[in-house]
PDB file of N, CA and C in Angstrom:
ATOM      1  N   MET A   1      -2.514 -10.626 -11.767  1.00  0.00           N
ATOM      2  CA  MET A   1      -1.886 -11.539 -10.819  1.00  0.00           C
ATOM      3  C   MET A   1      -1.197 -10.740  -9.716  1.00  0.00           C
ATOM      4  N   TYR A   2      -1.211 -11.324  -8.553  1.00  0.00           N
ATOM      5  CA  TYR A   2      -0.518 -10.701  -7.428  1.00  0.00           C
ATOM      6  C   TYR A   2      -0.032 -11.813  -6.502  1.00  0.00           C
ATOM      7  N   ASN A   3       0.920 -11.473  -5.679  1.00  0.00           N
ATOM      8  CA  ASN A   3       1.560 -12.415  -4.772  1.00  0.00           C
ATOM      9  C   ASN A   3       0.604 -12.754  -3.614  1.00  0.00           C
ATOM     10  N   GLU A   4       0.082 -13.972  -3.602  1.00  0.00           N
ATOM     11  CA  GLU A   4      -0.886 -14.377  -2.574  1.00  0.00           C
ATOM     12  C   GLU A   4      -0.241 -14.567  -1.209  1.00  0.00           C
ATOM     13  N   HIS A   5       1.031 -14.924  -1.185  1.00  0.00           N
ATOM     14  CA  HIS A   5       1.732 -15.036   0.104  1.00  0.00           C
ATOM     15  C   HIS A   5       1.850 -13.652   0.753  1.00  0.00           C
ATOM     16  N   LEU A   6       2.151 -12.643  -0.055  1.00  0.00           N
ATOM     17  CA  LEU A   6       2.215 -11.274   0.462  1.00  0.00           C
ATOM     18  C   LEU A   6       0.837 -10.836   0.956  1.00  0.00           C
ATOM     19  N   GLU A   7      -0.207 -11.243   0.247  1.00  0.00           N
ATOM     20  CA  GLU A   7      -1.568 -10.946   0.695  1.00  0.00           C
ATOM     21  C   GLU A   7      -1.808 -11.506   2.096  1.00  0.00           C
ATOM     22  N   GLU A   8      -1.427 -12.755   2.318  1.00  0.00           N
ATOM     23  CA  GLU A   8      -1.603 -13.378   3.642  1.00  0.00           C
ATOM     24  C   GLU A   8      -0.822 -12.632   4.710  1.00  0.00           C
ATOM     25  N   ARG A   9       0.392 -12.212   4.379  1.00  0.00           N
ATOM     26  CA  ARG A   9       1.221 -11.484   5.348  1.00  0.00           C
ATOM     27  C   ARG A   9       0.581 -10.148   5.725  1.00  0.00           C
ATOM     28  N   ILE A  10       0.043  -9.440   4.730  1.00  0.00           N
ATOM     29  CA  ILE A  10      -0.607  -8.148   5.007  1.00  0.00           C
ATOM     30  C   ILE A  10      -1.872  -8.368   5.839  1.00  0.00           C
ATOM     31  N   ARG A  11      -2.672  -9.364   5.458  1.00  0.00           N
ATOM     32  CA  ARG A  11      -3.890  -9.661   6.240  1.00  0.00           C
ATOM     33  C   ARG A  11      -3.543  -9.956   7.692  1.00  0.00           C
ATOM     34  N   HIS A  12      -2.472 -10.718   7.902  1.00  0.00           N
ATOM     35  CA  HIS A  12      -2.054 -11.067   9.262  1.00  0.00           C
ATOM     36  C   HIS A  12      -1.723  -9.804  10.071  1.00  0.00           C
ATOM     37  N   ILE A  13      -0.980  -8.887   9.457  1.00  0.00           N
ATOM     38  CA  ILE A  13      -0.610  -7.642  10.147  1.00  0.00           C
ATOM     39  C   ILE A  13      -1.854  -6.817  10.463  1.00  0.00           C
ATOM     40  N   LEU A  14      -2.734  -6.649   9.475  1.00  0.00           N
ATOM     41  CA  LEU A  14      -3.953  -5.852   9.705  1.00  0.00           C
ATOM     42  C   LEU A  14      -4.838  -6.487  10.773  1.00  0.00           C
ATOM     43  N   ASN A  15      -4.944  -7.800  10.751  1.00  0.00           N
ATOM     44  CA  ASN A  15      -5.743  -8.494  11.768  1.00  0.00           C
ATOM     45  C   ASN A  15      -5.121  -8.356  13.156  1.00  0.00           C
ATOM     46  N   GLN A  16      -3.803  -8.469  13.229  1.00  0.00           N
ATOM     47  CA  GLN A  16      -3.110  -8.293  14.516  1.00  0.00           C
ATOM     48  C   GLN A  16      -3.357  -6.907  15.091  1.00  0.00           C
ATOM     49  N   LYS A  17      -3.390  -5.908  14.217  1.00  0.00           N
ATOM     50  CA  LYS A  17      -3.613  -4.524  14.655  1.00  0.00           C
ATOM     51  C   LYS A  17      -5.099  -4.207  14.831  1.00  0.00           C
ATOM     52  N   LYS A  18      -5.941  -5.209  14.584  1.00  0.00           N
ATOM     53  CA  LYS A  18      -7.396  -5.065  14.705  1.00  0.00           C
ATOM     54  C   LYS A  18      -7.928  -3.931  13.817  1.00  0.00           C
ATOM     55  N   ILE A  19      -7.414  -3.890  12.591  1.00  0.00           N
ATOM     56  CA  ILE A  19      -7.835  -2.892  11.610  1.00  0.00           C
ATOM     57  C   ILE A  19      -8.993  -3.463  10.802  1.00  0.00           C
ATOM     58  N   SER A  20     -10.049  -2.701  10.683  1.00  0.00           N
ATOM     59  CA  SER A  20     -11.178  -3.099   9.847  1.00  0.00           C
ATOM     60  C   SER A  20     -10.835  -2.751   8.396  1.00  0.00           C
ATOM     61  N   TYR A  21     -10.928  -3.732   7.500  1.00  0.00           N
ATOM     62  CA  TYR A  21     -10.556  -3.520   6.106  1.00  0.00           C
ATOM     63  C   TYR A  21     -11.353  -4.460   5.209  1.00  0.00           C
ATOM     64  N   HIS A  22     -11.310  -4.204   3.932  1.00  0.00           N
ATOM     65  CA  HIS A  22     -11.770  -5.191   2.963  1.00  0.00           C
ATOM     66  C   HIS A  22     -10.824  -5.137   1.766  1.00  0.00           C
ATOM     67  N   ALA A  23     -10.652  -6.278   1.146  1.00  0.00           N
ATOM     68  CA  ALA A  23      -9.753  -6.381   0.000  1.00  0.00           C
ATOM     69  C   ALA A  23     -10.572  -6.257  -1.274  1.00  0.00           C
ATOM     70  N   LYS A  24      -9.984  -5.610  -2.260  1.00  0.00           N
ATOM     71  CA  LYS A  24     -10.679  -5.347  -3.510  1.00  0.00           C
ATOM     72  C   LYS A  24      -9.683  -5.513  -4.655  1.00  0.00           C
ATOM     73  N   LYS A  25     -10.081  -6.273  -5.664  1.00  0.00           N
ATOM     74  CA  LYS A  25      -9.220  -6.429  -6.833  1.00  0.00           C
ATOM     75  C   LYS A  25      -9.337  -5.177  -7.683  1.00  0.00           C
ATOM     76  N   MET A  26      -8.187  -4.542  -7.932  1.00  0.00           N
ATOM     77  CA  MET A  26      -8.160  -3.345  -8.769  1.00  0.00           C
ATOM     78  C   MET A  26      -6.737  -3.065  -9.233  1.00  0.00           C
ATOM     79  N   MET A  27      -6.601  -2.288 -10.279  1.00  0.00           N
ATOM     80  CA  MET A  27      -5.300  -1.897 -10.836  1.00  0.00           C
ATOM     81  C   MET A  27      -4.420  -3.102 -11.137  1.00  0.00           C
ATOM     82  N   GLY A  28      -5.010  -4.195 -11.550  1.00  0.00           N
ATOM     83  CA  GLY A  28      -4.246  -5.379 -11.893  1.00  0.00           C
ATOM     84  C   GLY A  28      -3.692  -6.123 -10.690  1.00  0.00           C
ATOM     85  N   GLY A  29      -4.153  -5.773  -9.526  1.00  0.00           N
ATOM     86  CA  GLY A  29      -3.659  -6.410  -8.313  1.00  0.00           C
ATOM     87  C   GLY A  29      -4.745  -6.470  -7.257  1.00  0.00           C
ATOM     88  N   LEU A  30      -4.328  -6.366  -6.017  1.00  0.00           N
ATOM     89  CA  LEU A  30      -5.243  -6.414  -4.878  1.00  0.00           C
ATOM     90  C   LEU A  30      -4.991  -5.196  -4.006  1.00  0.00           C
ATOM     91  N   THR A  31      -6.059  -4.542  -3.608  1.00  0.00           N
ATOM     92  CA  THR A  31      -5.946  -3.363  -2.755  1.00  0.00           C
ATOM     93  C   THR A  31      -6.692  -3.609  -1.455  1.00  0.00           C
ATOM     94  N   PHE A  32      -6.081  -3.177  -0.361  1.00  0.00           N
ATOM     95  CA  PHE A  32      -6.733  -3.248   0.952  1.00  0.00           C
ATOM     96  C   PHE A  32      -7.321  -1.874   1.242  1.00  0.00           C
ATOM     97  N   MET A  33      -8.623  -1.862   1.428  1.00  0.00           N
ATOM     98  CA  MET A  33      -9.347  -0.628   1.685  1.00  0.00           C
ATOM     99  C   MET A  33      -9.564  -0.492   3.197  1.00  0.00           C
ATOM    100  N   VAL A  34      -9.223   0.663   3.742  1.00  0.00           N
ATOM    101  CA  VAL A  34      -9.443   0.964   5.156  1.00  0.00           C
ATOM    102  C   VAL A  34     -10.274   2.238   5.192  1.00  0.00           C
ATOM    103  N   ASP A  35     -11.391   2.205   5.878  1.00  0.00           N
ATOM    104  CA  ASP A  35     -12.328   3.338   5.905  1.00  0.00           C
ATOM    105  C   ASP A  35     -12.738   3.733   4.484  1.00  0.00           C
ATOM    106  N   ASP A  36     -12.960   2.744   3.643  1.00  0.00           N
ATOM    107  CA  ASP A  36     -13.361   2.941   2.248  1.00  0.00           C
ATOM    108  C   ASP A  36     -12.367   3.769   1.438  1.00  0.00           C
ATOM    109  N   LYS A  37     -11.100   3.738   1.845  1.00  0.00           N
ATOM    110  CA  LYS A  37     -10.041   4.423   1.109  1.00  0.00           C
ATOM    111  C   LYS A  37      -8.935   3.429   0.799  1.00  0.00           C
ATOM    112  N   MET A  38      -8.349   3.563  -0.403  1.00  0.00           N
ATOM    113  CA  MET A  38      -7.232   2.693  -0.740  1.00  0.00           C
ATOM    114  C   MET A  38      -6.089   2.947   0.237  1.00  0.00           C
ATOM    115  N   CYS A  39      -5.625   1.893   0.891  1.00  0.00           N
ATOM    116  CA  CYS A  39      -4.586   2.039   1.905  1.00  0.00           C
ATOM    117  C   CYS A  39      -3.261   1.430   1.445  1.00  0.00           C
ATOM    118  N   ILE A  40      -3.311   0.176   1.054  1.00  0.00           N
ATOM    119  CA  ILE A  40      -2.101  -0.551   0.660  1.00  0.00           C
ATOM    120  C   ILE A  40      -2.507  -1.609  -0.351  1.00  0.00           C
ATOM    121  N   GLY A  41      -1.587  -2.002  -1.184  1.00  0.00           N
ATOM    122  CA  GLY A  41      -1.953  -2.990  -2.191  1.00  0.00           C
ATOM    123  C   GLY A  41      -0.789  -3.826  -2.670  1.00  0.00           C
ATOM    124  N   ILE A  42      -1.105  -4.735  -3.574  1.00  0.00           N
ATOM    125  CA  ILE A  42      -0.112  -5.624  -4.162  1.00  0.00           C
ATOM    126  C   ILE A  42      -0.311  -5.598  -5.673  1.00  0.00           C
ATOM    127  N   VAL A  43       0.749  -5.323  -6.393  1.00  0.00           N
ATOM    128  CA  VAL A  43       0.740  -5.411  -7.848  1.00  0.00           C
ATOM    129  C   VAL A  43       1.893  -6.344  -8.215  1.00  0.00           C
ATOM    130  N   ASN A  44       1.551  -7.479  -8.792  1.00  0.00           N
ATOM    131  CA  ASN A  44       2.519  -8.544  -9.061  1.00  0.00           C
ATOM    132  C   ASN A  44       3.167  -8.960  -7.734  1.00  0.00           C
ATOM    133  N   ASP A  45       4.474  -8.742  -7.590  1.00  0.00           N
ATOM    134  CA  ASP A  45       5.167  -9.083  -6.344  1.00  0.00           C
ATOM    135  C   ASP A  45       5.519  -7.860  -5.516  1.00  0.00           C
ATOM    136  N   GLU A  46       5.082  -6.691  -5.973  1.00  0.00           N
ATOM    137  CA  GLU A  46       5.469  -5.464  -5.287  1.00  0.00           C
ATOM    138  C   GLU A  46       4.362  -4.945  -4.383  1.00  0.00           C
ATOM    139  N   LEU A  47       4.792  -4.310  -3.310  1.00  0.00           N
ATOM    140  CA  LEU A  47       3.876  -3.660  -2.391  1.00  0.00           C
ATOM    141  C   LEU A  47       3.601  -2.264  -2.921  1.00  0.00           C
ATOM    142  N   MET A  48       2.338  -1.911  -3.032  1.00  0.00           N
ATOM    143  CA  MET A  48       1.934  -0.575  -3.464  1.00  0.00           C
ATOM    144  C   MET A  48       1.465   0.151  -2.201  1.00  0.00           C
ATOM    145  N   THR A  49       2.118   1.258  -1.898  1.00  0.00           N
ATOM    146  CA  THR A  49       1.803   1.930  -0.643  1.00  0.00           C
ATOM    147  C   THR A  49       1.317   3.346  -0.876  1.00  0.00           C
ATOM    148  N   ARG A  50       0.301   3.714  -0.116  1.00  0.00           N
ATOM    149  CA  ARG A  50      -0.225   5.092  -0.121  1.00  0.00           C
ATOM    150  C   ARG A  50       0.222   5.716   1.194  1.00  0.00           C
ATOM    151  N   ILE A  51       1.321   6.459   1.116  1.00  0.00           N
ATOM    152  CA  ILE A  51       1.963   6.959   2.334  1.00  0.00           C
ATOM    153  C   ILE A  51       1.811   8.464   2.523  1.00  0.00           C
ATOM    154  N   GLY A  52       1.362   9.156   1.493  1.00  0.00           N
ATOM    155  CA  GLY A  52       1.155  10.590   1.600  1.00  0.00           C
ATOM    156  C   GLY A  52       2.380  11.401   1.206  1.00  0.00           C
ATOM    157  N   PRO A  53       2.162  12.669   0.866  1.00  0.00           N
ATOM    158  CA  PRO A  53       3.247  13.517   0.368  1.00  0.00           C
ATOM    159  C   PRO A  53       4.282  13.903   1.425  1.00  0.00           C
ATOM    160  N   ASP A  54       3.919  13.895   2.708  1.00  0.00           N
ATOM    161  CA  ASP A  54       4.865  14.339   3.740  1.00  0.00           C
ATOM    162  C   ASP A  54       6.048  13.381   3.914  1.00  0.00           C
ATOM    163  N   VAL A  55       5.798  12.079   3.876  1.00  0.00           N
ATOM    164  CA  VAL A  55       6.895  11.107   4.073  1.00  0.00           C
ATOM    165  C   VAL A  55       7.442  10.577   2.746  1.00  0.00           C
ATOM    166  N   TYR A  56       6.816  10.981   1.649  1.00  0.00           N
ATOM    167  CA  TYR A  56       7.209  10.513   0.318  1.00  0.00           C
ATOM    168  C   TYR A  56       8.704  10.694   0.011  1.00  0.00           C
ATOM    169  N   PRO A  57       9.278  11.905   0.205  1.00  0.00           N
ATOM    170  CA  PRO A  57      10.703  12.083  -0.136  1.00  0.00           C
ATOM    171  C   PRO A  57      11.628  11.174   0.690  1.00  0.00           C
ATOM    172  N   GLN A  58      11.342  11.011   1.976  1.00  0.00           N
ATOM    173  CA  GLN A  58      12.171  10.160   2.825  1.00  0.00           C
ATOM    174  C   GLN A  58      12.009   8.697   2.439  1.00  0.00           C
ATOM    175  N   ALA A  59      10.797   8.305   2.089  1.00  0.00           N
ATOM    176  CA  ALA A  59      10.530   6.915   1.726  1.00  0.00           C
ATOM    177  C   ALA A  59      11.324   6.512   0.494  1.00  0.00           C
ATOM    178  N   LEU A  60      11.446   7.407  -0.468  1.00  0.00           N
ATOM    179  CA  LEU A  60      12.158   7.085  -1.708  1.00  0.00           C
ATOM    180  C   LEU A  60      13.634   6.780  -1.472  1.00  0.00           C
ATOM    181  N   LYS A  61      14.168   7.173  -0.326  1.00  0.00           N
ATOM    182  CA  LYS A  61      15.580   6.903   0.008  1.00  0.00           C
ATOM    183  C   LYS A  61      15.758   5.505   0.587  1.00  0.00           C
ATOM    184  N   LYS A  62      14.661   4.841   0.944  1.00  0.00           N
ATOM    185  CA  LYS A  62      14.737   3.509   1.554  1.00  0.00           C
ATOM    186  C   LYS A  62      15.040   2.444   0.510  1.00  0.00           C
ATOM    187  N   LYS A  63      15.707   1.408   0.976  1.00  0.00           N
ATOM    188  CA  LYS A  63      16.068   0.272   0.132  1.00  0.00           C
ATOM    189  C   LYS A  63      14.829  -0.346  -0.523  1.00  0.00           C
ATOM    190  N   GLY A  64      14.883  -0.515  -1.837  1.00  0.00           N
ATOM    191  CA  GLY A  64      13.805  -1.195  -2.551  1.00  0.00           C
ATOM    192  C   GLY A  64      12.568  -0.359  -2.827  1.00  0.00           C
ATOM    193  N   CYS A  65      12.625   0.925  -2.508  1.00  0.00           N
ATOM    194  CA  CYS A  65      11.472   1.798  -2.708  1.00  0.00           C
ATOM    195  C   CYS A  65      11.647   2.569  -4.007  1.00  0.00           C
ATOM    196  N   LYS A  66      10.561   2.688  -4.771  1.00  0.00           N
ATOM    197  CA  LYS A  66      10.644   3.433  -6.033  1.00  0.00           C
ATOM    198  C   LYS A  66       9.328   4.151  -6.296  1.00  0.00           C
ATOM    199  N   GLU A  67       9.412   5.152  -7.154  1.00  0.00           N
ATOM    200  CA  GLU A  67       8.226   5.921  -7.508  1.00  0.00           C
ATOM    201  C   GLU A  67       7.174   5.020  -8.142  1.00  0.00           C
ATOM    202  N   MET A  68       5.933   5.345  -7.868  1.00  0.00           N
ATOM    203  CA  MET A  68       4.835   4.626  -8.477  1.00  0.00           C
ATOM    204  C   MET A  68       4.381   5.426  -9.684  1.00  0.00           C
ATOM    205  N   MET A  69       4.450   4.787 -10.848  1.00  0.00           N
ATOM    206  CA  MET A  69       4.041   5.468 -12.072  1.00  0.00           C
ATOM    207  C   MET A  69       2.978   4.627 -12.774  1.00  0.00           C
ATOM    208  N   PHE A  70       1.819   5.211 -12.978  1.00  0.00           N
ATOM    209  CA  PHE A  70       0.770   4.533 -13.725  1.00  0.00           C
ATOM    210  C   PHE A  70       0.486   5.253 -15.032  1.00  0.00           C
ATOM    211  N   THR A  71       0.691   6.551 -15.065  1.00  0.00           N
ATOM    212  CA  THR A  71       0.377   7.325 -16.261  1.00  0.00           C
ATOM    213  C   THR A  71       1.633   7.898 -16.900  1.00  0.00           C
ATOM    214  N   GLY A  72       2.800   7.349 -16.550  1.00  0.00           N
ATOM    215  CA  GLY A  72       4.054   7.846 -17.110  1.00  0.00           C
ATOM    216  C   GLY A  72       4.712   8.914 -16.265  1.00  0.00           C
ATOM    217  N   LYS A  73       4.023   9.345 -15.210  1.00  0.00           N
ATOM    218  CA  LYS A  73       4.650  10.307 -14.302  1.00  0.00           C
ATOM    219  C   LYS A  73       4.427   9.820 -12.867  1.00  0.00           C
ATOM    220  N   PRO A  74       5.334  10.202 -11.953  1.00  0.00           N
ATOM    221  CA  PRO A  74       5.228   9.711 -10.570  1.00  0.00           C
ATOM    222  C   PRO A  74       3.964  10.212  -9.881  1.00  0.00           C
ATOM    223  N   MET A  75       3.382   9.341  -9.083  1.00  0.00           N
ATOM    224  CA  MET A  75       2.227   9.722  -8.273  1.00  0.00           C
ATOM    225  C   MET A  75       2.738  10.040  -6.876  1.00  0.00           C
ATOM    226  N   GLU A  76       2.865  11.313  -6.564  1.00  0.00           N
ATOM    227  CA  GLU A  76       3.412  11.719  -5.280  1.00  0.00           C
ATOM    228  C   GLU A  76       2.522  11.203  -4.154  1.00  0.00           C
ATOM    229  N   GLY A  77       3.162  10.626  -3.161  1.00  0.00           N
ATOM    230  CA  GLY A  77       2.422  10.076  -2.032  1.00  0.00           C
ATOM    231  C   GLY A  77       2.195   8.580  -2.142  1.00  0.00           C
ATOM    232  N   TYR A  78       2.531   8.007  -3.307  1.00  0.00           N
ATOM    233  CA  TYR A  78       2.427   6.568  -3.529  1.00  0.00           C
ATOM    234  C   TYR A  78       3.797   6.043  -3.942  1.00  0.00           C
ATOM    235  N   VAL A  79       4.195   4.891  -3.404  1.00  0.00           N
ATOM    236  CA  VAL A  79       5.444   4.255  -3.834  1.00  0.00           C
ATOM    237  C   VAL A  79       5.254   2.744  -3.948  1.00  0.00           C
ATOM    238  N   PHE A  80       6.104   2.137  -4.762  1.00  0.00           N
ATOM    239  CA  PHE A  80       6.199   0.695  -4.824  1.00  0.00           C
ATOM    240  C   PHE A  80       7.386   0.265  -3.978  1.00  0.00           C
ATOM    241  N   VAL A  81       7.249  -0.871  -3.308  1.00  0.00           N
ATOM    242  CA  VAL A  81       8.340  -1.441  -2.538  1.00  0.00           C
ATOM    243  C   VAL A  81       8.615  -2.827  -3.115  1.00  0.00           C
ATOM    244  N   GLU A  82       9.863  -3.045  -3.502  1.00  0.00           N
ATOM    245  CA  GLU A  82      10.261  -4.300  -4.133  1.00  0.00           C
ATOM    246  C   GLU A  82      10.280  -5.446  -3.125  1.00  0.00           C
ATOM    247  N   PRO A  83      10.069  -6.673  -3.589  1.00  0.00           N
ATOM    248  CA  PRO A  83       9.961  -7.831  -2.692  1.00  0.00           C
ATOM    249  C   PRO A  83      11.133  -8.013  -1.728  1.00  0.00           C
ATOM    250  N   HIS A  84      12.361  -7.801  -2.207  1.00  0.00           N
ATOM    251  CA  HIS A  84      13.529  -8.019  -1.328  1.00  0.00           C
ATOM    252  C   HIS A  84      13.545  -7.056  -0.142  1.00  0.00           C
ATOM    253  N   ALA A  85      12.852  -5.930  -0.267  1.00  0.00           N
ATOM    254  CA  ALA A  85      12.846  -4.918   0.792  1.00  0.00           C
ATOM    255  C   ALA A  85      11.788  -5.203   1.861  1.00  0.00           C
ATOM    256  N   ILE A  86      10.955  -6.225   1.641  1.00  0.00           N
ATOM    257  CA  ILE A  86       9.918  -6.563   2.624  1.00  0.00           C
ATOM    258  C   ILE A  86       9.967  -8.051   2.991  1.00  0.00           C
ATOM    259  N   ASP A  87      11.142  -8.664   2.811  1.00  0.00           N
ATOM    260  CA  ASP A  87      11.315 -10.065   3.199  1.00  0.00           C
ATOM    261  C   ASP A  87      11.087 -10.263   4.695  1.00  0.00           C
ATOM    262  N   MET A  88      11.608  -9.349   5.474  1.00  0.00           N
ATOM    263  CA  MET A  88      11.498  -9.443   6.933  1.00  0.00           C
ATOM    264  C   MET A  88      10.154  -8.861   7.373  1.00  0.00           C
ATOM    265  N   GLU A  89       9.517  -9.512   8.346  1.00  0.00           N
ATOM    266  CA  GLU A  89       8.203  -9.043   8.821  1.00  0.00           C
ATOM    267  C   GLU A  89       8.252  -7.606   9.307  1.00  0.00           C
ATOM    268  N   GLU A  90       9.332  -7.238  10.030  1.00  0.00           N
ATOM    269  CA  GLU A  90       9.382  -5.860  10.558  1.00  0.00           C
ATOM    270  C   GLU A  90       9.456  -4.836   9.431  1.00  0.00           C
ATOM    271  N   ASP A  91      10.054  -5.206   8.297  1.00  0.00           N
ATOM    272  CA  ASP A  91      10.089  -4.279   7.157  1.00  0.00           C
ATOM    273  C   ASP A  91       8.694  -4.116   6.550  1.00  0.00           C
ATOM    274  N   LEU A  92       7.981  -5.222   6.383  1.00  0.00           N
ATOM    275  CA  LEU A  92       6.611  -5.144   5.870  1.00  0.00           C
ATOM    276  C   LEU A  92       5.728  -4.362   6.846  1.00  0.00           C
ATOM    277  N   GLU A  93       5.877  -4.629   8.127  1.00  0.00           N
ATOM    278  CA  GLU A  93       5.086  -3.915   9.141  1.00  0.00           C
ATOM    279  C   GLU A  93       5.351  -2.414   9.082  1.00  0.00           C
ATOM    280  N   TYR A  94       6.597  -2.017   8.829  1.00  0.00           N
ATOM    281  CA  TYR A  94       6.957  -0.600   8.718  1.00  0.00           C
ATOM    282  C   TYR A  94       6.116   0.073   7.624  1.00  0.00           C
ATOM    283  N   TRP A  95       6.073  -0.556   6.436  1.00  0.00           N
ATOM    284  CA  TRP A  95       5.340   0.023   5.312  1.00  0.00           C
ATOM    285  C   TRP A  95       3.836   0.012   5.558  1.00  0.00           C
ATOM    286  N   VAL A  96       3.325  -1.067   6.133  1.00  0.00           N
ATOM    287  CA  VAL A  96       1.887  -1.134   6.438  1.00  0.00           C
ATOM    288  C   VAL A  96       1.533  -0.011   7.414  1.00  0.00           C
ATOM    289  N   GLN A  97       2.375   0.190   8.428  1.00  0.00           N
ATOM    290  CA  GLN A  97       2.092   1.231   9.416  1.00  0.00           C
ATOM    291  C   GLN A  97       2.131   2.622   8.795  1.00  0.00           C
ATOM    292  N   LEU A  98       3.077   2.869   7.877  1.00  0.00           N
ATOM    293  CA  LEU A  98       3.106   4.174   7.189  1.00  0.00           C
ATOM    294  C   LEU A  98       1.778   4.421   6.473  1.00  0.00           C
ATOM    295  N   CYS A  99       1.267   3.389   5.819  1.00  0.00           N
ATOM    296  CA  CYS A  99      -0.012   3.514   5.111  1.00  0.00           C
ATOM    297  C   CYS A  99      -1.162   3.760   6.077  1.00  0.00           C
ATOM    298  N   LEU A 100      -1.158   3.041   7.191  1.00  0.00           N
ATOM    299  CA  LEU A 100      -2.221   3.220   8.194  1.00  0.00           C
ATOM    300  C   LEU A 100      -2.146   4.607   8.820  1.00  0.00           C
ATOM    301  N   ASP A 101      -0.930   5.117   9.013  1.00  0.00           N
ATOM    302  CA  ASP A 101      -0.766   6.460   9.589  1.00  0.00           C
ATOM    303  C   ASP A 101      -1.328   7.530   8.654  1.00  0.00           C
ATOM    304  N   PHE A 102      -1.157   7.342   7.354  1.00  0.00           N
ATOM    305  CA  PHE A 102      -1.643   8.331   6.403  1.00  0.00           C
ATOM    306  C   PHE A 102      -3.149   8.187   6.143  1.00  0.00           C
ATOM    307  N   ASN A 103      -3.683   6.999   6.298  1.00  0.00           N
ATOM    308  CA  ASN A 103      -5.070   6.727   5.912  1.00  0.00           C
ATOM    309  C   ASN A 103      -6.096   7.739   6.438  1.00  0.00           C
ATOM    310  N   PRO A 104      -6.045   8.150   7.711  1.00  0.00           N
ATOM    311  CA  PRO A 104      -7.045   9.126   8.182  1.00  0.00           C
ATOM    312  C   PRO A 104      -6.969  10.459   7.441  1.00  0.00           C
ATOM    313  N   LEU A 105      -5.803  10.787   6.875  1.00  0.00           N
ATOM    314  CA  LEU A 105      -5.621  12.054   6.155  1.00  0.00           C
ATOM    315  C   LEU A 105      -5.969  11.934   4.675  1.00  0.00           C
ATOM    316  N   ALA A 106      -6.042  10.713   4.184  1.00  0.00           N
ATOM    317  CA  ALA A 106      -6.274  10.476   2.750  1.00  0.00           C
ATOM    318  C   ALA A 106      -7.693  10.850   2.363  1.00  0.00           C
ATOM    319  N   LYS A 107      -7.814  11.331   1.145  1.00  0.00           N
ATOM    320  CA  LYS A 107      -9.139  11.651   0.627  1.00  0.00           C
ATOM    321  C   LYS A 107      -9.792  10.369   0.114  1.00  0.00           C
ATOM    322  N   SER A 108     -11.078  10.249   0.317  1.00  0.00           N
ATOM    323  CA  SER A 108     -11.826   9.113  -0.241  1.00  0.00           C
ATOM    324  C   SER A 108     -11.954   9.316  -1.735  1.00  0.00           C
ATOM    325  N   SER A 109     -11.948   8.203  -2.447  1.00  0.00           N
ATOM    326  CA  SER A 109     -12.222   8.323  -3.881  1.00  0.00           C
ATOM    327  C   SER A 109     -13.711   8.549  -4.040  1.00  0.00           C
ATOM    328  N   LYS A 110     -14.056   9.249  -5.077  1.00  0.00           N
ATOM    329  CA  LYS A 110     -15.485   9.536  -5.301  1.00  0.00           C
ATOM    330  C   LYS A 110     -16.210   8.257  -5.658  1.00  0.00           C
ATOM    331  N   LYS A 111     -17.344   8.061  -5.047  1.00  0.00           N
ATOM    332  CA  LYS A 111     -18.185   6.889  -5.339  1.00  0.00           C
ATOM    333  C   LYS A 111     -18.870   7.111  -6.686  1.00  0.00           C
ATOM    334  N   LYS A 112     -18.888   6.075  -7.481  1.00  0.00           N
ATOM    335  CA  LYS A 112     -19.588   6.152  -8.776  1.00  0.00           C
ATOM    336  C   LYS A 112     -21.088   6.032  -8.549  1.00  0.00           C
ATOM    337  N   LYS A 113     -21.816   6.899  -9.228  1.00  0.00           N
ATOM    338  CA  LYS A 113     -23.284   6.832  -9.121  1.00  0.00           C
ATOM    339  C   LYS A 113     -23.799   5.725 -10.002  1.00  0.00           C
ATOM    340  N   LYS A 114     -24.772   5.007  -9.496  1.00  0.00           N
ATOM    341  CA  LYS A 114     -25.342   3.881 -10.256  1.00  0.00           C
ATOM    342  C   LYS A 114     -26.589   4.312 -10.973  1.00  0.00           C
TER     343      LYS A 114
END
């Protein structure tokens, strides 16, 4: 399950910025793929952001931001943002833009051979 209202808000921002993307259900939520790379996502009510290691330490100091842990240890370059920290559109836009800024530098995940 994931927050469908947050999905609409993210789609609106990406469409406004004329970003080519596709949404994909994964990791128990929804991920927005940009240039075939995971860019931003939603897990339950939280925003999952791929912001990269350079801005990671500063991002963790922001209100509502926390380490993303899937395997019991933090994934550097990825953070979760709690719902109260993205209530305002400009706050959500800030996080979406951080993800878009990092996207060209992000490595593509390896395609599975069929």
